[in-house]
Amino acid sequence: MTAVTSTAPGTTTAEHELATLQREHGRPLFALLLRLSDGDRQRAEDLVQETLVRAWQHPEALRAAEFESVRPWLLTVARRLAIDARRARRARPPEIVDEVPETARVTADHAERAAAALDVRQAVKTLTPEHRDVLILVYFRGASVAEAAEILGIPAGTVKSRAYYALRALRRVLPGYATDPH
């Protein structure tokens, strides 16, 4: 590459040679850098541009390659730039993003469920033994009304009314959890 002789109005030889390099070697450079950037198109495009800037900064390397293809030199420079970029990203702390990562959401959900379970356990302890027995059988162990009635030795209607009053009592003890105003 020569420095500043003009080939067309407004363009220099260096600009013309860079455009030629881009046309001839841009696609293979981009393909390599896309793979080395784990599919990040923006990063690959940036690295192609940086590779071409390096070619512009080192015209002696391009002149030395006049009798050979310049592509191996460009691919080597591109690969080294990609490696340097990856190392730089690993050395920096991760970028802060607006979206909460899925693992953080799962942990928060788990913590909220655990806290709610503790609240419910404490509230259930405040119930009378009759109400507590019905709730445990029907809601926590999944027994039907008939099964709970048989286990407790009481009529099915009594199981229903105890469940109703037990839930009503829980709503008073757990006001933040109630879904209806009763």
N, C-alpha and C. Protein backbone atom coordinates (compact mmCIF):
# COMPACT_ATOMS: atom_id res chain seq x y z
N MET A 1 0.84 -1.18 0.00
CA MET A 1 0.00 0.00 0.00
C MET A 1 0.87 1.23 0.00
N THR A 2 0.54 2.15 -0.85
CA THR A 2 1.25 3.42 -0.82
C THR A 2 0.41 4.43 -0.09
N ALA A 3 1.00 5.49 0.34
CA ALA A 3 0.35 6.38 1.28
C ALA A 3 -0.78 7.21 0.68
N VAL A 4 -0.52 8.24 -0.09
CA VAL A 4 -1.59 9.16 -0.41
C VAL A 4 -1.72 9.52 -1.89
N THR A 5 -1.31 8.69 -2.79
CA THR A 5 -1.53 9.03 -4.19
C THR A 5 -2.99 8.78 -4.52
N SER A 6 -3.56 9.66 -5.28
CA SER A 6 -5.00 9.59 -5.53
C SER A 6 -5.30 8.74 -6.76
N THR A 7 -6.35 7.90 -6.66
CA THR A 7 -6.75 7.08 -7.78
C THR A 7 -8.06 7.56 -8.37
N ALA A 8 -8.91 8.11 -7.58
CA ALA A 8 -10.18 8.68 -8.04
C ALA A 8 -10.44 9.90 -7.19
N PRO A 9 -11.24 10.82 -7.69
CA PRO A 9 -11.49 12.02 -6.88
C PRO A 9 -12.03 11.65 -5.50
N GLY A 10 -11.35 12.11 -4.45
CA GLY A 10 -11.81 11.89 -3.08
C GLY A 10 -11.34 10.58 -2.46
N THR A 11 -10.68 9.68 -3.21
CA THR A 11 -10.19 8.44 -2.62
C THR A 11 -8.69 8.34 -2.81
N THR A 12 -8.04 7.72 -1.84
CA THR A 12 -6.60 7.53 -1.92
C THR A 12 -6.32 6.09 -2.32
N THR A 13 -5.09 5.82 -2.66
CA THR A 13 -4.69 4.46 -3.00
C THR A 13 -4.92 3.55 -1.81
N ALA A 14 -4.59 4.03 -0.60
CA ALA A 14 -4.77 3.22 0.61
C ALA A 14 -6.24 2.86 0.79
N GLU A 15 -7.14 3.82 0.59
CA GLU A 15 -8.57 3.54 0.72
C GLU A 15 -9.02 2.54 -0.33
N HIS A 16 -8.51 2.69 -1.54
CA HIS A 16 -8.86 1.77 -2.62
C HIS A 16 -8.38 0.35 -2.28
N GLU A 17 -7.15 0.25 -1.77
CA GLU A 17 -6.61 -1.06 -1.42
C GLU A 17 -7.37 -1.69 -0.24
N LEU A 18 -7.78 -0.87 0.72
CA LEU A 18 -8.58 -1.39 1.83
C LEU A 18 -9.93 -1.90 1.34
N ALA A 19 -10.53 -1.16 0.42
CA ALA A 19 -11.82 -1.60 -0.14
C ALA A 19 -11.64 -2.91 -0.89
N THR A 20 -10.53 -3.04 -1.59
CA THR A 20 -10.24 -4.28 -2.31
C THR A 20 -10.05 -5.43 -1.32
N LEU A 21 -9.30 -5.20 -0.25
CA LEU A 21 -9.11 -6.21 0.78
C LEU A 21 -10.46 -6.65 1.36
N GLN A 22 -11.31 -5.67 1.64
CA GLN A 22 -12.64 -5.97 2.19
C GLN A 22 -13.44 -6.84 1.23
N ARG A 23 -13.44 -6.49 -0.04
CA ARG A 23 -14.19 -7.27 -1.05
C ARG A 23 -13.63 -8.68 -1.19
N GLU A 24 -12.32 -8.82 -1.24
CA GLU A 24 -11.71 -10.12 -1.49
C GLU A 24 -11.66 -11.02 -0.25
N HIS A 25 -11.48 -10.44 0.91
CA HIS A 25 -11.23 -11.25 2.11
C HIS A 25 -12.24 -11.05 3.24
N GLY A 26 -13.18 -10.14 3.06
CA GLY A 26 -14.15 -9.83 4.12
C GLY A 26 -15.00 -11.01 4.54
N ARG A 27 -15.53 -11.75 3.57
CA ARG A 27 -16.40 -12.89 3.91
C ARG A 27 -15.66 -13.99 4.68
N PRO A 28 -14.49 -14.43 4.21
CA PRO A 28 -13.78 -15.46 4.98
C PRO A 28 -13.38 -14.97 6.39
N LEU A 29 -12.98 -13.68 6.48
CA LEU A 29 -12.65 -13.13 7.79
C LEU A 29 -13.88 -13.15 8.70
N PHE A 30 -15.01 -12.71 8.17
CA PHE A 30 -16.25 -12.68 8.96
C PHE A 30 -16.65 -14.08 9.39
N ALA A 31 -16.55 -15.05 8.48
CA ALA A 31 -16.92 -16.43 8.83
C ALA A 31 -16.06 -16.96 9.97
N LEU A 32 -14.75 -16.74 9.89
CA LEU A 32 -13.85 -17.18 10.95
C LEU A 32 -14.18 -16.48 12.27
N LEU A 33 -14.34 -15.17 12.21
CA LEU A 33 -14.57 -14.41 13.44
C LEU A 33 -15.94 -14.67 14.04
N LEU A 34 -16.91 -15.01 13.21
CA LEU A 34 -18.23 -15.36 13.72
C LEU A 34 -18.14 -16.63 14.56
N ARG A 35 -17.38 -17.61 14.07
CA ARG A 35 -17.18 -18.84 14.84
C ARG A 35 -16.41 -18.55 16.13
N LEU A 36 -15.36 -17.74 16.04
CA LEU A 36 -14.54 -17.44 17.21
C LEU A 36 -15.27 -16.55 18.21
N SER A 37 -16.34 -15.88 17.77
CA SER A 37 -17.13 -15.00 18.65
C SER A 37 -18.39 -15.70 19.13
N ASP A 38 -18.46 -17.00 18.99
CA ASP A 38 -19.62 -17.79 19.43
C ASP A 38 -20.93 -17.30 18.81
N GLY A 39 -20.87 -16.92 17.54
CA GLY A 39 -22.08 -16.53 16.83
C GLY A 39 -22.51 -15.08 17.04
N ASP A 40 -21.73 -14.28 17.75
CA ASP A 40 -22.07 -12.87 18.00
C ASP A 40 -21.70 -12.06 16.75
N ARG A 41 -22.70 -11.76 15.94
CA ARG A 41 -22.47 -11.08 14.66
C ARG A 41 -21.84 -9.70 14.85
N GLN A 42 -22.31 -8.95 15.83
CA GLN A 42 -21.79 -7.60 16.06
C GLN A 42 -20.31 -7.65 16.41
N ARG A 43 -19.96 -8.56 17.29
CA ARG A 43 -18.55 -8.68 17.69
C ARG A 43 -17.71 -9.10 16.49
N ALA A 44 -18.21 -10.04 15.68
CA ALA A 44 -17.47 -10.50 14.51
C ALA A 44 -17.25 -9.34 13.52
N GLU A 45 -18.28 -8.54 13.31
CA GLU A 45 -18.14 -7.38 12.40
C GLU A 45 -17.11 -6.40 12.93
N ASP A 46 -17.14 -6.15 14.24
CA ASP A 46 -16.15 -5.25 14.84
C ASP A 46 -14.74 -5.78 14.65
N LEU A 47 -14.57 -7.08 14.81
CA LEU A 47 -13.24 -7.68 14.67
C LEU A 47 -12.76 -7.66 13.22
N VAL A 48 -13.67 -7.80 12.26
CA VAL A 48 -13.28 -7.68 10.84
C VAL A 48 -12.75 -6.27 10.60
N GLN A 49 -13.48 -5.28 11.10
CA GLN A 49 -13.03 -3.90 10.92
C GLN A 49 -11.67 -3.67 11.58
N GLU A 50 -11.49 -4.21 12.77
CA GLU A 50 -10.21 -4.05 13.47
C GLU A 50 -9.08 -4.74 12.69
N THR A 51 -9.37 -5.88 12.08
CA THR A 51 -8.37 -6.58 11.27
C THR A 51 -7.96 -5.72 10.08
N LEU A 52 -8.94 -5.10 9.43
CA LEU A 52 -8.64 -4.24 8.28
C LEU A 52 -7.88 -2.98 8.71
N VAL A 53 -8.17 -2.48 9.90
CA VAL A 53 -7.41 -1.33 10.42
C VAL A 53 -5.95 -1.74 10.62
N ARG A 54 -5.74 -2.95 11.15
CA ARG A 54 -4.37 -3.43 11.33
C ARG A 54 -3.66 -3.55 9.97
N ALA A 55 -4.37 -3.98 8.96
CA ALA A 55 -3.77 -4.08 7.61
C ALA A 55 -3.39 -2.68 7.12
N TRP A 56 -4.25 -1.72 7.38
CA TRP A 56 -3.97 -0.33 6.97
C TRP A 56 -2.77 0.23 7.73
N GLN A 57 -2.63 -0.16 9.02
CA GLN A 57 -1.52 0.32 9.85
C GLN A 57 -0.19 -0.36 9.50
N HIS A 58 -0.25 -1.52 8.82
CA HIS A 58 0.97 -2.26 8.48
C HIS A 58 1.03 -2.56 6.98
N PRO A 59 1.21 -1.53 6.18
CA PRO A 59 1.26 -1.76 4.72
C PRO A 59 2.45 -2.62 4.31
N GLU A 60 3.50 -2.63 5.14
CA GLU A 60 4.67 -3.45 4.80
C GLU A 60 4.32 -4.94 4.79
N ALA A 61 3.40 -5.36 5.64
CA ALA A 61 2.99 -6.76 5.65
C ALA A 61 2.24 -7.10 4.37
N LEU A 62 1.47 -6.16 3.90
CA LEU A 62 0.72 -6.40 2.67
C LEU A 62 1.65 -6.38 1.45
N ARG A 63 2.65 -5.51 1.47
CA ARG A 63 3.60 -5.47 0.36
C ARG A 63 4.44 -6.74 0.32
N ALA A 64 4.80 -7.26 1.49
CA ALA A 64 5.59 -8.48 1.56
C ALA A 64 4.81 -9.66 1.00
N ALA A 65 3.51 -9.56 1.06
CA ALA A 65 2.66 -10.66 0.60
C ALA A 65 2.21 -10.47 -0.85
N GLU A 66 2.85 -9.53 -1.58
CA GLU A 66 2.44 -9.26 -2.97
C GLU A 66 2.52 -10.50 -3.85
N PHE A 67 3.52 -11.33 -3.61
CA PHE A 67 3.69 -12.51 -4.45
C PHE A 67 2.94 -13.71 -3.90
N GLU A 68 2.40 -13.57 -2.69
CA GLU A 68 1.60 -14.62 -2.08
C GLU A 68 0.25 -14.02 -1.73
N SER A 69 -0.64 -14.86 -1.27
CA SER A 69 -1.93 -14.36 -0.83
C SER A 69 -1.77 -13.66 0.52
N VAL A 70 -2.49 -12.57 0.71
CA VAL A 70 -2.46 -11.84 1.96
C VAL A 70 -3.44 -12.46 2.97
N ARG A 71 -4.29 -13.38 2.49
CA ARG A 71 -5.31 -13.96 3.36
C ARG A 71 -4.74 -14.65 4.60
N PRO A 72 -3.68 -15.46 4.51
CA PRO A 72 -3.16 -16.09 5.73
C PRO A 72 -2.76 -15.06 6.80
N TRP A 73 -2.14 -13.95 6.36
CA TRP A 73 -1.75 -12.91 7.31
C TRP A 73 -2.99 -12.30 7.95
N LEU A 74 -4.03 -12.00 7.15
CA LEU A 74 -5.26 -11.41 7.67
C LEU A 74 -5.97 -12.37 8.64
N LEU A 75 -6.02 -13.66 8.29
CA LEU A 75 -6.67 -14.63 9.15
C LEU A 75 -5.93 -14.79 10.48
N THR A 76 -4.60 -14.73 10.44
CA THR A 76 -3.81 -14.81 11.66
C THR A 76 -4.07 -13.60 12.56
N VAL A 77 -4.08 -12.42 11.95
CA VAL A 77 -4.36 -11.20 12.71
C VAL A 77 -5.77 -11.28 13.30
N ALA A 78 -6.73 -11.70 12.52
CA ALA A 78 -8.12 -11.80 12.98
C ALA A 78 -8.24 -12.78 14.15
N ARG A 79 -7.60 -13.93 14.01
CA ARG A 79 -7.67 -14.92 15.08
C ARG A 79 -7.06 -14.38 16.37
N ARG A 80 -5.93 -13.69 16.26
CA ARG A 80 -5.29 -13.13 17.46
C ARG A 80 -6.15 -12.03 18.09
N LEU A 81 -6.81 -11.22 17.26
CA LEU A 81 -7.71 -10.20 17.79
C LEU A 81 -8.89 -10.84 18.52
N ALA A 82 -9.41 -11.92 17.97
CA ALA A 82 -10.54 -12.62 18.61
C ALA A 82 -10.11 -13.20 19.95
N ILE A 83 -8.92 -13.77 20.00
CA ILE A 83 -8.41 -14.33 21.25
C ILE A 83 -8.22 -13.22 22.29
N ASP A 84 -7.65 -12.10 21.85
CA ASP A 84 -7.46 -10.98 22.77
C ASP A 84 -8.79 -10.45 23.29
N ALA A 85 -9.78 -10.36 22.41
CA ALA A 85 -11.11 -9.87 22.82
C ALA A 85 -11.75 -10.81 23.82
N ARG A 86 -11.62 -12.11 23.59
CA ARG A 86 -12.19 -13.09 24.53
C ARG A 86 -11.51 -13.00 25.90
N ARG A 87 -10.19 -12.86 25.90
CA ARG A 87 -9.46 -12.74 27.17
C ARG A 87 -9.87 -11.46 27.90
N ALA A 88 -10.04 -10.38 27.15
CA ALA A 88 -10.44 -9.11 27.77
C ALA A 88 -11.84 -9.24 28.40
N ARG A 89 -12.76 -9.92 27.71
CA ARG A 89 -14.12 -10.10 28.26
C ARG A 89 -14.08 -10.93 29.54
N ARG A 90 -13.24 -11.95 29.56
CA ARG A 90 -13.15 -12.81 30.75
C ARG A 90 -12.51 -12.09 31.91
N ALA A 91 -11.62 -11.13 31.63
CA ALA A 91 -10.93 -10.41 32.69
C ALA A 91 -11.84 -9.38 33.35
N ARG A 92 -12.83 -8.88 32.59
CA ARG A 92 -13.76 -7.88 33.13
C ARG A 92 -14.93 -8.56 33.82
N PRO A 93 -15.52 -7.87 34.80
CA PRO A 93 -16.74 -8.44 35.41
C PRO A 93 -17.86 -8.44 34.38
N PRO A 94 -18.84 -9.32 34.54
CA PRO A 94 -19.93 -9.38 33.57
C PRO A 94 -20.70 -8.06 33.53
N GLU A 95 -21.23 -7.76 32.34
CA GLU A 95 -21.99 -6.53 32.18
C GLU A 95 -23.31 -6.64 32.92
N ILE A 96 -23.78 -5.51 33.40
CA ILE A 96 -25.06 -5.46 34.09
C ILE A 96 -26.15 -5.34 33.03
N VAL A 97 -27.16 -6.18 33.15
CA VAL A 97 -28.25 -6.14 32.19
C VAL A 97 -29.55 -5.81 32.92
N ASP A 98 -30.52 -5.31 32.16
CA ASP A 98 -31.80 -4.94 32.74
C ASP A 98 -32.60 -6.17 33.14
N GLU A 99 -32.46 -7.24 32.39
CA GLU A 99 -33.25 -8.43 32.65
C GLU A 99 -32.61 -9.27 33.75
N VAL A 100 -33.43 -9.79 34.64
CA VAL A 100 -32.94 -10.63 35.72
C VAL A 100 -32.69 -12.03 35.17
N PRO A 101 -31.50 -12.61 35.40
CA PRO A 101 -31.23 -13.96 34.90
C PRO A 101 -32.21 -14.97 35.47
N GLU A 102 -32.48 -16.02 34.71
CA GLU A 102 -33.43 -17.06 35.11
C GLU A 102 -33.04 -17.69 36.44
N THR A 103 -31.74 -17.89 36.67
CA THR A 103 -31.31 -18.52 37.93
C THR A 103 -31.66 -17.63 39.12
N ALA A 104 -31.55 -16.33 38.96
CA ALA A 104 -31.89 -15.42 40.05
C ALA A 104 -33.39 -15.46 40.32
N ARG A 105 -34.19 -15.54 39.24
CA ARG A 105 -35.65 -15.62 39.42
C ARG A 105 -36.04 -16.90 40.13
N VAL A 106 -35.42 -18.01 39.75
CA VAL A 106 -35.73 -19.29 40.37
C VAL A 106 -35.37 -19.25 41.85
N THR A 107 -34.22 -18.68 42.19
CA THR A 107 -33.79 -18.57 43.58
C THR A 107 -34.76 -17.70 44.36
N ALA A 108 -35.16 -16.57 43.78
CA ALA A 108 -36.10 -15.68 44.45
C ALA A 108 -37.45 -16.36 44.64
N ASP A 109 -37.92 -17.07 43.61
CA ASP A 109 -39.18 -17.80 43.73
C ASP A 109 -39.10 -18.85 44.84
N HIS A 110 -38.00 -19.56 44.89
CA HIS A 110 -37.81 -20.59 45.90
C HIS A 110 -37.82 -19.96 47.30
N ALA A 111 -37.14 -18.83 47.45
CA ALA A 111 -37.09 -18.15 48.75
C ALA A 111 -38.48 -17.67 49.15
N GLU A 112 -39.23 -17.13 48.19
CA GLU A 112 -40.58 -16.67 48.49
C GLU A 112 -41.48 -17.84 48.89
N ARG A 113 -41.36 -18.96 48.18
CA ARG A 113 -42.18 -20.14 48.52
C ARG A 113 -41.82 -20.66 49.90
N ALA A 114 -40.53 -20.68 50.22
CA ALA A 114 -40.11 -21.16 51.53
C ALA A 114 -40.64 -20.26 52.64
N ALA A 115 -40.57 -18.95 52.42
CA ALA A 115 -41.09 -18.01 53.42
C ALA A 115 -42.60 -18.17 53.57
N ALA A 116 -43.30 -18.33 52.45
CA ALA A 116 -44.76 -18.52 52.51
C ALA A 116 -45.10 -19.81 53.24
N ALA A 117 -44.34 -20.87 53.00
CA ALA A 117 -44.59 -22.15 53.67
C ALA A 117 -44.42 -22.01 55.18
N LEU A 118 -43.40 -21.26 55.59
CA LEU A 118 -43.21 -21.04 57.03
C LEU A 118 -44.37 -20.26 57.63
N ASP A 119 -44.83 -19.23 56.89
CA ASP A 119 -45.98 -18.44 57.37
C ASP A 119 -47.22 -19.32 57.51
N VAL A 120 -47.45 -20.16 56.52
CA VAL A 120 -48.64 -21.02 56.55
C VAL A 120 -48.53 -22.02 57.70
N ARG A 121 -47.35 -22.59 57.91
CA ARG A 121 -47.17 -23.54 59.03
C ARG A 121 -47.47 -22.87 60.37
N GLN A 122 -46.97 -21.66 60.54
CA GLN A 122 -47.23 -20.94 61.79
C GLN A 122 -48.72 -20.65 61.94
N ALA A 123 -49.38 -20.27 60.84
CA ALA A 123 -50.81 -19.97 60.89
C ALA A 123 -51.62 -21.22 61.19
N VAL A 124 -51.25 -22.35 60.61
CA VAL A 124 -51.98 -23.61 60.85
C VAL A 124 -51.88 -24.00 62.32
N LYS A 125 -50.76 -23.69 62.95
CA LYS A 125 -50.59 -24.03 64.37
C LYS A 125 -51.58 -23.26 65.26
N THR A 126 -52.08 -22.11 64.76
CA THR A 126 -53.02 -21.32 65.56
C THR A 126 -54.45 -21.89 65.51
N LEU A 127 -54.72 -22.82 64.61
CA LEU A 127 -56.07 -23.39 64.47
C LEU A 127 -56.36 -24.39 65.60
N THR A 128 -57.64 -24.64 65.80
CA THR A 128 -58.03 -25.68 66.77
C THR A 128 -57.60 -27.02 66.20
N PRO A 129 -57.38 -28.03 67.02
CA PRO A 129 -56.96 -29.35 66.52
C PRO A 129 -57.94 -29.93 65.50
N GLU A 130 -59.24 -29.71 65.68
CA GLU A 130 -60.24 -30.25 64.74
C GLU A 130 -60.09 -29.61 63.36
N HIS A 131 -59.95 -28.29 63.33
CA HIS A 131 -59.78 -27.58 62.05
C HIS A 131 -58.45 -27.96 61.40
N ARG A 132 -57.40 -28.02 62.20
CA ARG A 132 -56.07 -28.36 61.68
C ARG A 132 -56.07 -29.76 61.06
N ASP A 133 -56.69 -30.75 61.71
CA ASP A 133 -56.74 -32.12 61.19
C ASP A 133 -57.43 -32.17 59.83
N VAL A 134 -58.55 -31.45 59.70
CA VAL A 134 -59.28 -31.44 58.42
C VAL A 134 -58.42 -30.82 57.33
N LEU A 135 -57.81 -29.67 57.61
CA LEU A 135 -56.97 -29.00 56.60
C LEU A 135 -55.80 -29.87 56.17
N ILE A 136 -55.15 -30.48 57.11
CA ILE A 136 -53.99 -31.32 56.79
C ILE A 136 -54.41 -32.48 55.88
N LEU A 137 -55.52 -33.12 56.23
CA LEU A 137 -55.97 -34.25 55.40
C LEU A 137 -56.41 -33.82 54.01
N VAL A 138 -57.26 -32.80 53.95
CA VAL A 138 -57.88 -32.42 52.67
C VAL A 138 -56.92 -31.62 51.79
N TYR A 139 -56.23 -30.61 52.34
CA TYR A 139 -55.44 -29.70 51.51
C TYR A 139 -53.97 -30.10 51.39
N PHE A 140 -53.40 -30.68 52.43
CA PHE A 140 -51.98 -31.01 52.37
C PHE A 140 -51.71 -32.45 51.96
N ARG A 141 -52.60 -33.35 52.30
CA ARG A 141 -52.40 -34.76 51.94
C ARG A 141 -53.28 -35.19 50.77
N GLY A 142 -54.18 -34.33 50.34
CA GLY A 142 -54.98 -34.60 49.15
C GLY A 142 -56.12 -35.59 49.34
N ALA A 143 -56.56 -35.79 50.56
CA ALA A 143 -57.67 -36.72 50.79
C ALA A 143 -58.98 -36.07 50.33
N SER A 144 -59.89 -36.88 49.87
CA SER A 144 -61.21 -36.37 49.51
C SER A 144 -62.00 -36.11 50.79
N VAL A 145 -63.13 -35.42 50.67
CA VAL A 145 -63.97 -35.15 51.83
C VAL A 145 -64.42 -36.47 52.45
N ALA A 146 -64.81 -37.42 51.61
CA ALA A 146 -65.27 -38.72 52.11
C ALA A 146 -64.15 -39.46 52.83
N GLU A 147 -62.93 -39.43 52.26
CA GLU A 147 -61.80 -40.10 52.90
C GLU A 147 -61.47 -39.46 54.25
N ALA A 148 -61.49 -38.12 54.29
CA ALA A 148 -61.20 -37.41 55.54
C ALA A 148 -62.26 -37.74 56.58
N ALA A 149 -63.52 -37.81 56.15
CA ALA A 149 -64.62 -38.14 57.08
C ALA A 149 -64.41 -39.52 57.67
N GLU A 150 -64.04 -40.47 56.83
CA GLU A 150 -63.82 -41.84 57.30
C GLU A 150 -62.64 -41.90 58.27
N ILE A 151 -61.52 -41.23 57.94
CA ILE A 151 -60.33 -41.26 58.78
C ILE A 151 -60.62 -40.61 60.14
N LEU A 152 -61.35 -39.47 60.11
CA LEU A 152 -61.62 -38.74 61.35
C LEU A 152 -62.84 -39.29 62.11
N GLY A 153 -63.62 -40.11 61.44
CA GLY A 153 -64.81 -40.68 62.09
C GLY A 153 -65.91 -39.66 62.29
N ILE A 154 -66.04 -38.72 61.34
CA ILE A 154 -67.08 -37.69 61.43
C ILE A 154 -67.83 -37.64 60.10
N PRO A 155 -69.03 -37.05 60.05
CA PRO A 155 -69.78 -36.96 58.80
C PRO A 155 -69.07 -36.06 57.78
N ALA A 156 -69.32 -36.30 56.49
CA ALA A 156 -68.72 -35.51 55.39
C ALA A 156 -69.10 -34.04 55.51
N GLY A 157 -70.33 -33.75 55.92
CA GLY A 157 -70.76 -32.36 56.09
C GLY A 157 -69.94 -31.63 57.13
N THR A 158 -69.57 -32.33 58.18
CA THR A 158 -68.73 -31.74 59.23
C THR A 158 -67.33 -31.44 58.69
N VAL A 159 -66.81 -32.32 57.86
CA VAL A 159 -65.50 -32.09 57.23
C VAL A 159 -65.56 -30.81 56.40
N LYS A 160 -66.63 -30.65 55.62
CA LYS A 160 -66.78 -29.46 54.77
C LYS A 160 -66.86 -28.20 55.61
N SER A 161 -67.68 -28.20 56.66
CA SER A 161 -67.83 -26.99 57.47
C SER A 161 -66.54 -26.67 58.23
N ARG A 162 -65.84 -27.68 58.74
CA ARG A 162 -64.57 -27.42 59.43
C ARG A 162 -63.53 -26.86 58.46
N ALA A 163 -63.50 -27.39 57.25
CA ALA A 163 -62.57 -26.87 56.25
C ALA A 163 -62.88 -25.40 55.95
N TYR A 164 -64.17 -25.09 55.81
CA TYR A 164 -64.59 -23.71 55.52
C TYR A 164 -64.13 -22.78 56.64
N TYR A 165 -64.43 -23.14 57.89
CA TYR A 165 -64.08 -22.27 59.02
C TYR A 165 -62.56 -22.23 59.25
N ALA A 166 -61.87 -23.30 58.95
CA ALA A 166 -60.41 -23.31 59.09
C ALA A 166 -59.78 -22.35 58.08
N LEU A 167 -60.27 -22.38 56.85
CA LEU A 167 -59.73 -21.48 55.82
C LEU A 167 -60.05 -20.02 56.17
N ARG A 168 -61.23 -19.80 56.69
CA ARG A 168 -61.64 -18.45 57.09
C ARG A 168 -60.72 -17.94 58.20
N ALA A 169 -60.40 -18.79 59.15
CA ALA A 169 -59.49 -18.41 60.24
C ALA A 169 -58.08 -18.13 59.70
N LEU A 170 -57.65 -18.92 58.73
CA LEU A 170 -56.32 -18.69 58.12
C LEU A 170 -56.27 -17.36 57.40
N ARG A 171 -57.35 -16.99 56.74
CA ARG A 171 -57.38 -15.70 56.02
C ARG A 171 -57.20 -14.54 57.00
N ARG A 172 -57.72 -14.68 58.19
CA ARG A 172 -57.56 -13.61 59.19
C ARG A 172 -56.11 -13.55 59.69
N VAL A 173 -55.49 -14.71 59.85
CA VAL A 173 -54.12 -14.77 60.35
C VAL A 173 -53.10 -14.40 59.27
N LEU A 174 -53.45 -14.70 58.01
CA LEU A 174 -52.57 -14.43 56.87
C LEU A 174 -53.22 -13.42 55.93
N PRO A 175 -53.38 -12.17 56.32
CA PRO A 175 -54.11 -11.22 55.48
C PRO A 175 -53.43 -10.94 54.14
N GLY A 176 -52.10 -11.00 54.07
CA GLY A 176 -51.41 -10.73 52.81
C GLY A 176 -51.58 -11.83 51.78
N TYR A 177 -52.04 -13.00 52.20
CA TYR A 177 -52.18 -14.15 51.31
C TYR A 177 -53.61 -14.33 50.83
N ALA A 178 -54.55 -13.67 51.45
CA ALA A 178 -55.97 -13.87 51.11
C ALA A 178 -56.24 -13.37 49.71
N THR A 179 -57.02 -14.12 48.93
CA THR A 179 -57.38 -13.70 47.58
C THR A 179 -58.77 -13.10 47.52
N ASP A 180 -59.61 -13.35 48.56
CA ASP A 180 -60.91 -12.72 48.57
C ASP A 180 -61.09 -11.96 49.88
N PRO A 181 -62.00 -11.00 49.93
CA PRO A 181 -62.08 -10.09 51.07
C PRO A 181 -62.70 -10.69 52.33
N HIS A 182 -63.10 -11.96 52.40
CA HIS A 182 -63.75 -12.51 53.59
C HIS A 182 -62.78 -12.65 54.71
